[in-house]
Amino acid sequence: MKLNKIGHLKGSFESNGDNVMQHTVFAVSLTGILLMVFLLLFLFANGLPVLKDMSIKRIIFGVDWYPMEEPPALGMLPLIVATLAVTLMSSIIALPVAIALAVFTSEVAPKKTREFFKVLLELLGFVPSIVLGFIGMMLLAPYMQDVFGVASGLNLLTSSIILGFLIIPTVASLSEEALSSVSHELREASFALGATRWETIRKVVVPFALPGISAAVLLGVMRALGETMVVLMVSGGAAIVPHSLTDPVRPLTSTIAAEMGETPVGSVHYHALFFAGLILLIMTLAINLISYWIERRRVN
């Protein structure tokens, strides 16, 4: 009888503990959803009033960004193109390197080398972006100016390289964890069937770790899309549509950071900057939806 009571009490405590955890997770998830809804409403409330003074077509496709003029010119096409160009170029530079580092660290490197690289990637991930911005301004920009013979080394290519260095540790570290989580039995089975190490990595380990690698890549792309300090310091700050890699650019994030502090609250310029933030949010959502669509096609 006593054993039955003890078992009943133990089961009751476990059930209560499960309920508490379930309610806690639900509360945290609901809080995150409410915060996102609040951010959306805040951006809409402060960004959409700009459409009273200018059509959305002129904002999206206009090529002149002179918000202080009368009447203000609020063409955001150069800012949007610069944002996409910097994100794309930095991803092209960083993602192959990051994934190669992850594969080397997880599958090829000896144990001591693997531990060293893991610690190094973690440390590099904590380097402040402003430090990389200073390195870009003081070291890389003068070098790029001399090599390409351009008027300024602060341009699209320089900002893409520095931004690529910024996202490499994050993508490499998370991808390495995804690769390391693949069961060793799968590797041993592949070796038992006569596959080489490279064939095992390419046909067994990477496909099984692909969801984790995809999440790491997506996080890296998002980091590049939303980064502010690096592009503010080394992109050149010119609101023009770039025609080459050595043209200075002005992405949306750097525009918001540079101009928001000196903009009168409630002005057309003020609402235009919030509208730029809304465009960034839409870009982020679009990348997430594309990633989800690709993942669904891969599963099916």
C-alpha atoms as a PDB file:
ATOM      1  CA  MET A   1       0.000   0.000   0.000  1.00  0.00           C
ATOM      2  CA  LYS A   2       2.792   2.398   0.939  1.00  0.00           C
ATOM      3  CA  LEU A   3       4.631   1.599  -2.282  1.00  0.00           C
ATOM      4  CA  ASN A   4       1.490   2.338  -4.263  1.00  0.00           C
ATOM      5  CA  LYS A   5       1.074   5.683  -2.505  1.00  0.00           C
ATOM      6  CA  ILE A   6       4.704   6.573  -3.090  1.00  0.00           C
ATOM      7  CA  GLY A   7       4.377   5.642  -6.752  1.00  0.00           C
ATOM      8  CA  HIS A   8       1.173   7.666  -7.027  1.00  0.00           C
ATOM      9  CA  LEU A   9       2.833  10.714  -5.419  1.00  0.00           C
ATOM     10  CA  LYS A  10       5.892  10.365  -7.662  1.00  0.00           C
ATOM     11  CA  GLY A  11       3.714  10.176 -10.751  1.00  0.00           C
ATOM     12  CA  SER A  12       1.742  13.193  -9.552  1.00  0.00           C
ATOM     13  CA  PHE A  13       4.928  15.239  -9.045  1.00  0.00           C
ATOM     14  CA  GLU A  14       6.235  14.235 -12.489  1.00  0.00           C
ATOM     15  CA  SER A  15       2.913  15.161 -14.075  1.00  0.00           C
ATOM     16  CA  ASN A  16       2.903  18.535 -12.299  1.00  0.00           C
ATOM     17  CA  GLY A  17       6.489  19.124 -13.398  1.00  0.00           C
ATOM     18  CA  ASP A  18       5.576  18.353 -17.011  1.00  0.00           C
ATOM     19  CA  ASN A  19       2.617  20.728 -16.815  1.00  0.00           C
ATOM     20  CA  VAL A  20       4.786  23.499 -15.394  1.00  0.00           C
ATOM     21  CA  MET A  21       7.357  23.078 -18.187  1.00  0.00           C
ATOM     22  CA  GLN A  22       4.622  22.945 -20.808  1.00  0.00           C
ATOM     23  CA  HIS A  23       3.034  26.151 -19.529  1.00  0.00           C
ATOM     24  CA  THR A  24       6.450  27.836 -19.260  1.00  0.00           C
ATOM     25  CA  VAL A  25       7.366  26.993 -22.851  1.00  0.00           C
ATOM     26  CA  PHE A  26       3.934  28.162 -24.011  1.00  0.00           C
ATOM     27  CA  ALA A  27       4.292  31.453 -22.090  1.00  0.00           C
ATOM     28  CA  VAL A  28       7.765  32.109 -23.516  1.00  0.00           C
ATOM     29  CA  SER A  29       6.604  31.305 -27.067  1.00  0.00           C
ATOM     30  CA  LEU A  30       3.540  33.525 -26.683  1.00  0.00           C
ATOM     31  CA  THR A  31       5.715  36.360 -25.374  1.00  0.00           C
ATOM     32  CA  GLY A  32       7.974  36.087 -28.438  1.00  0.00           C
ATOM     33  CA  ILE A  33       4.967  36.138 -30.769  1.00  0.00           C
ATOM     34  CA  LEU A  34       3.490  39.169 -29.011  1.00  0.00           C
ATOM     35  CA  LEU A  35       6.812  40.999 -29.238  1.00  0.00           C
ATOM     36  CA  MET A  36       6.995  40.312 -32.973  1.00  0.00           C
ATOM     37  CA  VAL A  37       3.430  41.542 -33.434  1.00  0.00           C
ATOM     38  CA  PHE A  38       4.274  44.679 -31.457  1.00  0.00           C
ATOM     39  CA  LEU A  39       7.350  45.326 -33.611  1.00  0.00           C
ATOM     40  CA  LEU A  40       5.306  44.885 -36.782  1.00  0.00           C
ATOM     41  CA  LEU A  41       2.600  47.258 -35.591  1.00  0.00           C
ATOM     42  CA  PHE A  42       5.215  49.774 -34.455  1.00  0.00           C
ATOM     43  CA  LEU A  43       6.951  49.739 -37.829  1.00  0.00           C
ATOM     44  CA  PHE A  44       3.660  49.988 -39.713  1.00  0.00           C
ATOM     45  CA  ALA A  45       2.425  52.831 -37.523  1.00  0.00           C
ATOM     46  CA  ASN A  46       5.615  54.871 -37.980  1.00  0.00           C
ATOM     47  CA  GLY A  47       6.519  53.858 -41.534  1.00  0.00           C
ATOM     48  CA  LEU A  48       3.292  53.923 -43.512  1.00  0.00           C
ATOM     49  CA  PRO A  49       2.574  57.666 -42.939  1.00  0.00           C
ATOM     50  CA  VAL A  50       5.331  58.428 -45.460  1.00  0.00           C
ATOM     51  CA  LEU A  51       2.977  57.175 -48.172  1.00  0.00           C
ATOM     52  CA  LYS A  52       0.810  60.253 -47.579  1.00  0.00           C
ATOM     53  CA  ASP A  53       3.576  62.416 -49.063  1.00  0.00           C
ATOM     54  CA  MET A  54       5.034  60.071 -51.670  1.00  0.00           C
ATOM     55  CA  SER A  55       3.840  57.036 -53.602  1.00  0.00           C
ATOM     56  CA  ILE A  56       5.296  53.645 -52.867  1.00  0.00           C
ATOM     57  CA  LYS A  57       6.445  53.391 -56.495  1.00  0.00           C
ATOM     58  CA  ARG A  58       8.591  56.527 -56.171  1.00  0.00           C
ATOM     59  CA  ILE A  59      10.020  55.278 -52.879  1.00  0.00           C
ATOM     60  CA  ILE A  60      10.908  51.781 -54.077  1.00  0.00           C
ATOM     61  CA  PHE A  61      12.089  52.657 -57.588  1.00  0.00           C
ATOM     62  CA  GLY A  62      13.362  56.212 -57.082  1.00  0.00           C
ATOM     63  CA  VAL A  63      17.130  56.648 -57.420  1.00  0.00           C
ATOM     64  CA  ASP A  64      17.555  59.924 -55.528  1.00  0.00           C
ATOM     65  CA  TRP A  65      17.917  59.918 -51.745  1.00  0.00           C
ATOM     66  CA  TYR A  66      17.951  63.540 -50.557  1.00  0.00           C
ATOM     67  CA  PRO A  67      15.563  63.562 -47.578  1.00  0.00           C
ATOM     68  CA  MET A  68      16.606  67.014 -46.330  1.00  0.00           C
ATOM     69  CA  GLU A  69      15.626  68.823 -49.511  1.00  0.00           C
ATOM     70  CA  GLU A  70      12.298  70.580 -50.075  1.00  0.00           C
ATOM     71  CA  PRO A  71      10.436  68.651 -51.278  1.00  0.00           C
ATOM     72  CA  PRO A  72      12.373  65.600 -50.026  1.00  0.00           C
ATOM     73  CA  ALA A  73      13.586  62.976 -52.479  1.00  0.00           C
ATOM     74  CA  LEU A  74      13.079  59.581 -50.869  1.00  0.00           C
ATOM     75  CA  GLY A  75      14.096  57.127 -53.590  1.00  0.00           C
ATOM     76  CA  MET A  76      15.297  53.974 -51.815  1.00  0.00           C
ATOM     77  CA  LEU A  77      16.351  51.893 -54.820  1.00  0.00           C
ATOM     78  CA  PRO A  78      20.102  52.593 -54.251  1.00  0.00           C
ATOM     79  CA  LEU A  79      19.720  51.646 -50.577  1.00  0.00           C
ATOM     80  CA  ILE A  80      17.846  48.432 -51.379  1.00  0.00           C
ATOM     81  CA  VAL A  81      20.277  47.408 -54.120  1.00  0.00           C
ATOM     82  CA  ALA A  82      23.237  48.146 -51.834  1.00  0.00           C
ATOM     83  CA  THR A  83      21.725  46.032 -49.042  1.00  0.00           C
ATOM     84  CA  LEU A  84      21.131  43.070 -51.346  1.00  0.00           C
ATOM     85  CA  ALA A  85      24.537  43.442 -53.033  1.00  0.00           C
ATOM     86  CA  VAL A  86      26.485  43.554 -49.767  1.00  0.00           C
ATOM     87  CA  THR A  87      24.526  40.597 -48.360  1.00  0.00           C
ATOM     88  CA  LEU A  88      24.996  38.539 -51.534  1.00  0.00           C
ATOM     89  CA  MET A  89      28.703  39.297 -51.912  1.00  0.00           C
ATOM     90  CA  SER A  90      29.514  38.652 -48.260  1.00  0.00           C
ATOM     91  CA  SER A  91      27.592  35.373 -48.413  1.00  0.00           C
ATOM     92  CA  ILE A  92      29.459  34.287 -51.558  1.00  0.00           C
ATOM     93  CA  ILE A  93      32.750  35.070 -49.825  1.00  0.00           C
ATOM     94  CA  ALA A  94      31.956  33.653 -46.392  1.00  0.00           C
ATOM     95  CA  LEU A  95      29.666  30.637 -46.738  1.00  0.00           C
ATOM     96  CA  PRO A  96      31.983  28.298 -48.719  1.00  0.00           C
ATOM     97  CA  VAL A  97      34.854  29.116 -46.351  1.00  0.00           C
ATOM     98  CA  ALA A  98      32.669  28.608 -43.271  1.00  0.00           C
ATOM     99  CA  ILE A  99      31.294  25.255 -44.433  1.00  0.00           C
ATOM    100  CA  ALA A 100      34.776  24.075 -45.461  1.00  0.00           C
ATOM    101  CA  LEU A 101      36.074  25.031 -42.003  1.00  0.00           C
ATOM    102  CA  ALA A 102      33.194  23.134 -40.400  1.00  0.00           C
ATOM    103  CA  VAL A 103      33.872  19.986 -42.453  1.00  0.00           C
ATOM    104  CA  PHE A 104      37.604  20.169 -41.728  1.00  0.00           C
ATOM    105  CA  THR A 105      37.076  20.718 -38.012  1.00  0.00           C
ATOM    106  CA  SER A 106      34.471  17.987 -37.628  1.00  0.00           C
ATOM    107  CA  GLU A 107      35.659  15.292 -40.029  1.00  0.00           C
ATOM    108  CA  VAL A 108      39.299  15.753 -40.979  1.00  0.00           C
ATOM    109  CA  ALA A 109      41.309  17.522 -38.273  1.00  0.00           C
ATOM    110  CA  PRO A 110      43.068  15.529 -35.522  1.00  0.00           C
ATOM    111  CA  LYS A 111      41.553  15.763 -32.050  1.00  0.00           C
ATOM    112  CA  LYS A 112      43.871  18.482 -30.701  1.00  0.00           C
ATOM    113  CA  THR A 113      43.552  20.538 -33.875  1.00  0.00           C
ATOM    114  CA  ARG A 114      39.775  20.101 -33.743  1.00  0.00           C
ATOM    115  CA  GLU A 115      39.600  21.429 -30.189  1.00  0.00           C
ATOM    116  CA  PHE A 116      41.820  24.376 -31.124  1.00  0.00           C
ATOM    117  CA  PHE A 117      39.668  25.305 -34.112  1.00  0.00           C
ATOM    118  CA  LYS A 118      36.456  24.991 -32.106  1.00  0.00           C
ATOM    119  CA  VAL A 119      37.751  27.357 -29.442  1.00  0.00           C
ATOM    120  CA  LEU A 120      39.108  29.724 -32.097  1.00  0.00           C
ATOM    121  CA  LEU A 121      35.775  29.876 -33.924  1.00  0.00           C
ATOM    122  CA  GLU A 122      33.938  30.538 -30.664  1.00  0.00           C
ATOM    123  CA  LEU A 123      36.326  33.365 -29.793  1.00  0.00           C
ATOM    124  CA  LEU A 124      36.113  34.932 -33.257  1.00  0.00           C
ATOM    125  CA  GLY A 125      32.341  34.870 -32.965  1.00  0.00           C
ATOM    126  CA  PHE A 126      32.581  37.275 -30.010  1.00  0.00           C
ATOM    127  CA  VAL A 127      34.694  39.871 -31.825  1.00  0.00           C
ATOM    128  CA  PRO A 128      32.663  43.125 -31.881  1.00  0.00           C
ATOM    129  CA  SER A 129      31.647  44.247 -35.331  1.00  0.00           C
ATOM    130  CA  ILE A 130      33.034  47.730 -34.675  1.00  0.00           C
ATOM    131  CA  VAL A 131      36.513  46.213 -34.261  1.00  0.00           C
ATOM    132  CA  LEU A 132      36.253  44.635 -37.696  1.00  0.00           C
ATOM    133  CA  GLY A 133      34.993  47.979 -38.975  1.00  0.00           C
ATOM    134  CA  PHE A 134      38.147  49.680 -37.704  1.00  0.00           C
ATOM    135  CA  ILE A 135      40.295  46.992 -39.334  1.00  0.00           C
ATOM    136  CA  GLY A 136      38.463  47.570 -42.602  1.00  0.00           C
ATOM    137  CA  MET A 137      38.909  51.336 -42.420  1.00  0.00           C
ATOM    138  CA  MET A 138      42.546  51.415 -41.347  1.00  0.00           C
ATOM    139  CA  LEU A 139      44.035  48.364 -43.081  1.00  0.00           C
ATOM    140  CA  LEU A 140      41.860  46.870 -45.813  1.00  0.00           C
ATOM    141  CA  ALA A 141      40.478  50.097 -47.330  1.00  0.00           C
ATOM    142  CA  PRO A 142      43.912  51.678 -48.049  1.00  0.00           C
ATOM    143  CA  TYR A 143      45.100  48.359 -49.479  1.00  0.00           C
ATOM    144  CA  MET A 144      42.072  48.106 -51.764  1.00  0.00           C
ATOM    145  CA  GLN A 145      42.578  51.710 -52.848  1.00  0.00           C
ATOM    146  CA  ASP A 146      46.155  51.008 -53.894  1.00  0.00           C
ATOM    147  CA  VAL A 147      45.388  47.699 -55.588  1.00  0.00           C
ATOM    148  CA  PHE A 148      42.413  48.867 -57.654  1.00  0.00           C
ATOM    149  CA  GLY A 149      43.502  52.481 -58.080  1.00  0.00           C
ATOM    150  CA  VAL A 150      40.152  53.878 -56.956  1.00  0.00           C
ATOM    151  CA  ALA A 151      39.392  57.153 -55.222  1.00  0.00           C
ATOM    152  CA  SER A 152      38.349  55.415 -52.000  1.00  0.00           C
ATOM    153  CA  GLY A 153      38.810  51.958 -50.555  1.00  0.00           C
ATOM    154  CA  LEU A 154      35.504  52.274 -48.691  1.00  0.00           C
ATOM    155  CA  ASN A 155      33.254  50.474 -51.129  1.00  0.00           C
ATOM    156  CA  LEU A 156      31.056  47.482 -51.820  1.00  0.00           C
ATOM    157  CA  LEU A 157      33.906  44.967 -52.043  1.00  0.00           C
ATOM    158  CA  THR A 158      35.605  46.095 -48.833  1.00  0.00           C
ATOM    159  CA  SER A 159      32.394  46.008 -46.831  1.00  0.00           C
ATOM    160  CA  SER A 160      31.543  42.560 -48.258  1.00  0.00           C
ATOM    161  CA  ILE A 161      34.925  41.143 -47.266  1.00  0.00           C
ATOM    162  CA  ILE A 162      34.738  42.491 -43.714  1.00  0.00           C
ATOM    163  CA  LEU A 163      31.130  41.386 -43.370  1.00  0.00           C
ATOM    164  CA  GLY A 164      32.150  37.964 -44.626  1.00  0.00           C
ATOM    165  CA  PHE A 165      34.756  37.707 -41.860  1.00  0.00           C
ATOM    166  CA  LEU A 166      32.043  38.645 -39.402  1.00  0.00           C
ATOM    167  CA  ILE A 167      29.682  35.813 -40.323  1.00  0.00           C
ATOM    168  CA  ILE A 168      32.256  33.057 -40.927  1.00  0.00           C
ATOM    169  CA  PRO A 169      32.661  32.093 -37.220  1.00  0.00           C
ATOM    170  CA  THR A 170      28.913  31.871 -36.648  1.00  0.00           C
ATOM    171  CA  VAL A 171      28.187  29.719 -39.696  1.00  0.00           C
ATOM    172  CA  ALA A 172      31.282  27.541 -39.209  1.00  0.00           C
ATOM    173  CA  SER A 173      30.619  26.924 -35.519  1.00  0.00           C
ATOM    174  CA  LEU A 174      26.957  26.004 -35.967  1.00  0.00           C
ATOM    175  CA  SER A 175      27.687  23.872 -39.048  1.00  0.00           C
ATOM    176  CA  GLU A 176      30.410  22.025 -37.147  1.00  0.00           C
ATOM    177  CA  GLU A 177      27.945  21.208 -34.390  1.00  0.00           C
ATOM    178  CA  ALA A 178      25.463  19.918 -36.962  1.00  0.00           C
ATOM    179  CA  LEU A 179      28.120  17.700 -38.555  1.00  0.00           C
ATOM    180  CA  SER A 180      29.350  16.421 -35.197  1.00  0.00           C
ATOM    181  CA  SER A 181      25.813  15.437 -34.191  1.00  0.00           C
ATOM    182  CA  VAL A 182      25.629  12.865 -37.016  1.00  0.00           C
ATOM    183  CA  SER A 183      25.756   9.380 -35.532  1.00  0.00           C
ATOM    184  CA  HIS A 184      29.133   7.608 -35.668  1.00  0.00           C
ATOM    185  CA  GLU A 185      27.310   4.401 -36.621  1.00  0.00           C
ATOM    186  CA  LEU A 186      26.455   5.982 -39.982  1.00  0.00           C
ATOM    187  CA  ARG A 187      30.096   6.750 -40.649  1.00  0.00           C
ATOM    188  CA  GLU A 188      31.177   3.239 -39.621  1.00  0.00           C
ATOM    189  CA  ALA A 189      28.506   1.685 -41.839  1.00  0.00           C
ATOM    190  CA  SER A 190      29.695   3.760 -44.775  1.00  0.00           C
ATOM    191  CA  PHE A 191      33.318   2.739 -44.195  1.00  0.00           C
ATOM    192  CA  ALA A 192      32.235  -0.912 -43.877  1.00  0.00           C
ATOM    193  CA  LEU A 193      30.655  -0.690 -47.337  1.00  0.00           C
ATOM    194  CA  GLY A 194      33.974   0.439 -48.794  1.00  0.00           C
ATOM    195  CA  ALA A 195      33.390   4.184 -49.032  1.00  0.00           C
ATOM    196  CA  THR A 196      36.335   6.511 -48.643  1.00  0.00           C
ATOM    197  CA  ARG A 197      36.407   9.287 -46.065  1.00  0.00           C
ATOM    198  CA  TRP A 198      35.531  11.904 -48.698  1.00  0.00           C
ATOM    199  CA  GLU A 199      32.646   9.795 -50.034  1.00  0.00           C
ATOM    200  CA  THR A 200      31.372   9.317 -46.486  1.00  0.00           C
ATOM    201  CA  ILE A 201      31.512  13.053 -45.814  1.00  0.00           C
ATOM    202  CA  ARG A 202      29.887  13.963 -49.118  1.00  0.00           C
ATOM    203  CA  LYS A 203      27.200  11.277 -49.345  1.00  0.00           C
ATOM    204  CA  VAL A 204      26.437  10.447 -45.715  1.00  0.00           C
ATOM    205  CA  VAL A 205      27.511  13.059 -43.171  1.00  0.00           C
ATOM    206  CA  VAL A 206      26.662  16.273 -45.037  1.00  0.00           C
ATOM    207  CA  PRO A 207      23.187  15.108 -46.223  1.00  0.00           C
ATOM    208  CA  PHE A 208      22.229  14.072 -42.681  1.00  0.00           C
ATOM    209  CA  ALA A 209      23.550  17.357 -41.250  1.00  0.00           C
ATOM    210  CA  LEU A 210      22.014  19.476 -44.021  1.00  0.00           C
ATOM    211  CA  PRO A 211      19.088  20.825 -41.935  1.00  0.00           C
ATOM    212  CA  GLY A 212      21.510  22.118 -39.296  1.00  0.00           C
ATOM    213  CA  ILE A 213      23.862  23.513 -41.945  1.00  0.00           C
ATOM    214  CA  SER A 214      20.938  25.221 -43.676  1.00  0.00           C
ATOM    215  CA  ALA A 215      19.915  26.836 -40.392  1.00  0.00           C
ATOM    216  CA  ALA A 216      23.492  28.050 -39.859  1.00  0.00           C
ATOM    217  CA  VAL A 217      23.640  29.474 -43.388  1.00  0.00           C
ATOM    218  CA  LEU A 218      20.306  31.214 -42.909  1.00  0.00           C
ATOM    219  CA  LEU A 219      21.502  32.732 -39.643  1.00  0.00           C
ATOM    220  CA  GLY A 220      24.665  33.965 -41.360  1.00  0.00           C
ATOM    221  CA  VAL A 221      22.710  35.549 -44.201  1.00  0.00           C
ATOM    222  CA  MET A 222      20.409  37.235 -41.682  1.00  0.00           C
ATOM    223  CA  ARG A 223      23.428  38.534 -39.799  1.00  0.00           C
ATOM    224  CA  ALA A 224      24.811  40.012 -43.002  1.00  0.00           C
ATOM    225  CA  LEU A 225      21.453  41.527 -43.933  1.00  0.00           C
ATOM    226  CA  GLY A 226      20.949  43.203 -40.571  1.00  0.00           C
ATOM    227  CA  GLU A 227      24.511  44.253 -39.755  1.00  0.00           C
ATOM    228  CA  THR A 228      24.935  47.974 -39.151  1.00  0.00           C
ATOM    229  CA  MET A 229      28.352  49.026 -37.873  1.00  0.00           C
ATOM    230  CA  VAL A 230      30.510  47.316 -40.501  1.00  0.00           C
ATOM    231  CA  VAL A 231      28.573  48.681 -43.461  1.00  0.00           C
ATOM    232  CA  LEU A 232      28.303  52.077 -41.792  1.00  0.00           C
ATOM    233  CA  MET A 233      32.079  52.315 -41.416  1.00  0.00           C
ATOM    234  CA  VAL A 234      33.460  50.745 -44.587  1.00  0.00           C
ATOM    235  CA  SER A 235      30.803  50.862 -47.315  1.00  0.00           C
ATOM    236  CA  GLY A 236      31.492  54.465 -48.366  1.00  0.00           C
ATOM    237  CA  GLY A 237      28.099  55.983 -47.574  1.00  0.00           C
ATOM    238  CA  ALA A 238      27.119  56.998 -51.126  1.00  0.00           C
ATOM    239  CA  ALA A 239      23.434  56.520 -51.948  1.00  0.00           C
ATOM    240  CA  ILE A 240      23.991  55.398 -55.541  1.00  0.00           C
ATOM    241  CA  VAL A 241      23.182  52.225 -57.443  1.00  0.00           C
ATOM    242  CA  PRO A 242      26.533  50.377 -57.652  1.00  0.00           C
ATOM    243  CA  HIS A 243      27.767  49.390 -61.109  1.00  0.00           C
ATOM    244  CA  SER A 244      31.014  47.753 -59.948  1.00  0.00           C
ATOM    245  CA  LEU A 245      32.483  46.187 -56.838  1.00  0.00           C
ATOM    246  CA  THR A 246      34.591  49.280 -56.169  1.00  0.00           C
ATOM    247  CA  ASP A 247      31.647  51.687 -56.016  1.00  0.00           C
ATOM    248  CA  PRO A 248      30.748  53.138 -52.604  1.00  0.00           C
ATOM    249  CA  VAL A 249      27.333  52.100 -51.336  1.00  0.00           C
ATOM    250  CA  ARG A 250      24.880  52.955 -48.576  1.00  0.00           C
ATOM    251  CA  PRO A 251      22.743  50.019 -47.331  1.00  0.00           C
ATOM    252  CA  LEU A 252      19.464  50.469 -45.508  1.00  0.00           C
ATOM    253  CA  THR A 253      20.894  49.632 -42.081  1.00  0.00           C
ATOM    254  CA  SER A 254      23.679  52.207 -42.267  1.00  0.00           C
ATOM    255  CA  THR A 255      21.213  54.818 -43.536  1.00  0.00           C
ATOM    256  CA  ILE A 256      18.904  54.273 -40.570  1.00  0.00           C
ATOM    257  CA  ALA A 257      21.782  54.306 -38.079  1.00  0.00           C
ATOM    258  CA  ALA A 258      23.410  57.422 -39.531  1.00  0.00           C
ATOM    259  CA  GLU A 259      20.289  59.552 -39.982  1.00  0.00           C
ATOM    260  CA  MET A 260      17.775  58.577 -37.310  1.00  0.00           C
ATOM    261  CA  GLY A 261      19.487  60.488 -34.494  1.00  0.00           C
ATOM    262  CA  GLU A 262      19.352  63.802 -36.371  1.00  0.00           C
ATOM    263  CA  THR A 263      15.868  63.472 -37.847  1.00  0.00           C
ATOM    264  CA  PRO A 264      12.939  65.471 -36.390  1.00  0.00           C
ATOM    265  CA  VAL A 265      10.330  63.157 -34.905  1.00  0.00           C
ATOM    266  CA  GLY A 266       7.197  63.029 -37.060  1.00  0.00           C
ATOM    267  CA  SER A 267       8.827  64.467 -40.178  1.00  0.00           C
ATOM    268  CA  VAL A 268       8.634  62.845 -43.610  1.00  0.00           C
ATOM    269  CA  HIS A 269      12.282  61.835 -43.269  1.00  0.00           C
ATOM    270  CA  TYR A 270      11.517  60.202 -39.897  1.00  0.00           C
ATOM    271  CA  HIS A 271       8.698  58.107 -41.337  1.00  0.00           C
ATOM    272  CA  ALA A 272      10.822  57.237 -44.388  1.00  0.00           C
ATOM    273  CA  LEU A 273      13.501  55.725 -42.146  1.00  0.00           C
ATOM    274  CA  PHE A 274      10.885  53.580 -40.419  1.00  0.00           C
ATOM    275  CA  PHE A 275       9.643  52.548 -43.846  1.00  0.00           C
ATOM    276  CA  ALA A 276      13.216  51.471 -44.636  1.00  0.00           C
ATOM    277  CA  GLY A 277      13.118  49.302 -41.513  1.00  0.00           C
ATOM    278  CA  LEU A 278       9.872  47.807 -42.752  1.00  0.00           C
ATOM    279  CA  ILE A 279      11.549  46.964 -46.066  1.00  0.00           C
ATOM    280  CA  LEU A 280      14.355  45.218 -44.154  1.00  0.00           C
ATOM    281  CA  LEU A 281      11.777  43.187 -42.253  1.00  0.00           C
ATOM    282  CA  ILE A 282      10.087  42.175 -45.506  1.00  0.00           C
ATOM    283  CA  MET A 283      13.476  41.115 -46.935  1.00  0.00           C
ATOM    284  CA  THR A 284      14.108  38.976 -43.865  1.00  0.00           C
ATOM    285  CA  LEU A 285      10.687  37.375 -44.154  1.00  0.00           C
ATOM    286  CA  ALA A 286      11.240  36.690 -47.860  1.00  0.00           C
ATOM    287  CA  ILE A 287      14.566  34.942 -47.180  1.00  0.00           C
ATOM    288  CA  ASN A 288      12.899  32.813 -44.488  1.00  0.00           C
ATOM    289  CA  LEU A 289      10.078  31.835 -46.813  1.00  0.00           C
ATOM    290  CA  ILE A 290      12.508  30.943 -49.615  1.00  0.00           C
ATOM    291  CA  SER A 291      14.540  28.832 -47.184  1.00  0.00           C
ATOM    292  CA  TYR A 292      11.362  27.091 -45.989  1.00  0.00           C
ATOM    293  CA  TRP A 293      10.295  26.415 -49.584  1.00  0.00           C
ATOM    294  CA  ILE A 294      13.692  24.932 -50.469  1.00  0.00           C
ATOM    295  CA  GLU A 295      13.619  22.739 -47.347  1.00  0.00           C
ATOM    296  CA  ARG A 296      10.119  21.519 -48.184  1.00  0.00           C
ATOM    297  CA  ARG A 297      11.170  20.617 -51.742  1.00  0.00           C
ATOM    298  CA  ARG A 298      14.207  18.756 -50.401  1.00  0.00           C
ATOM    299  CA  VAL A 299      12.077  16.741 -47.965  1.00  0.00           C
ATOM    300  CA  ASN A 300       9.443  15.920 -50.595  1.00  0.00           C
END
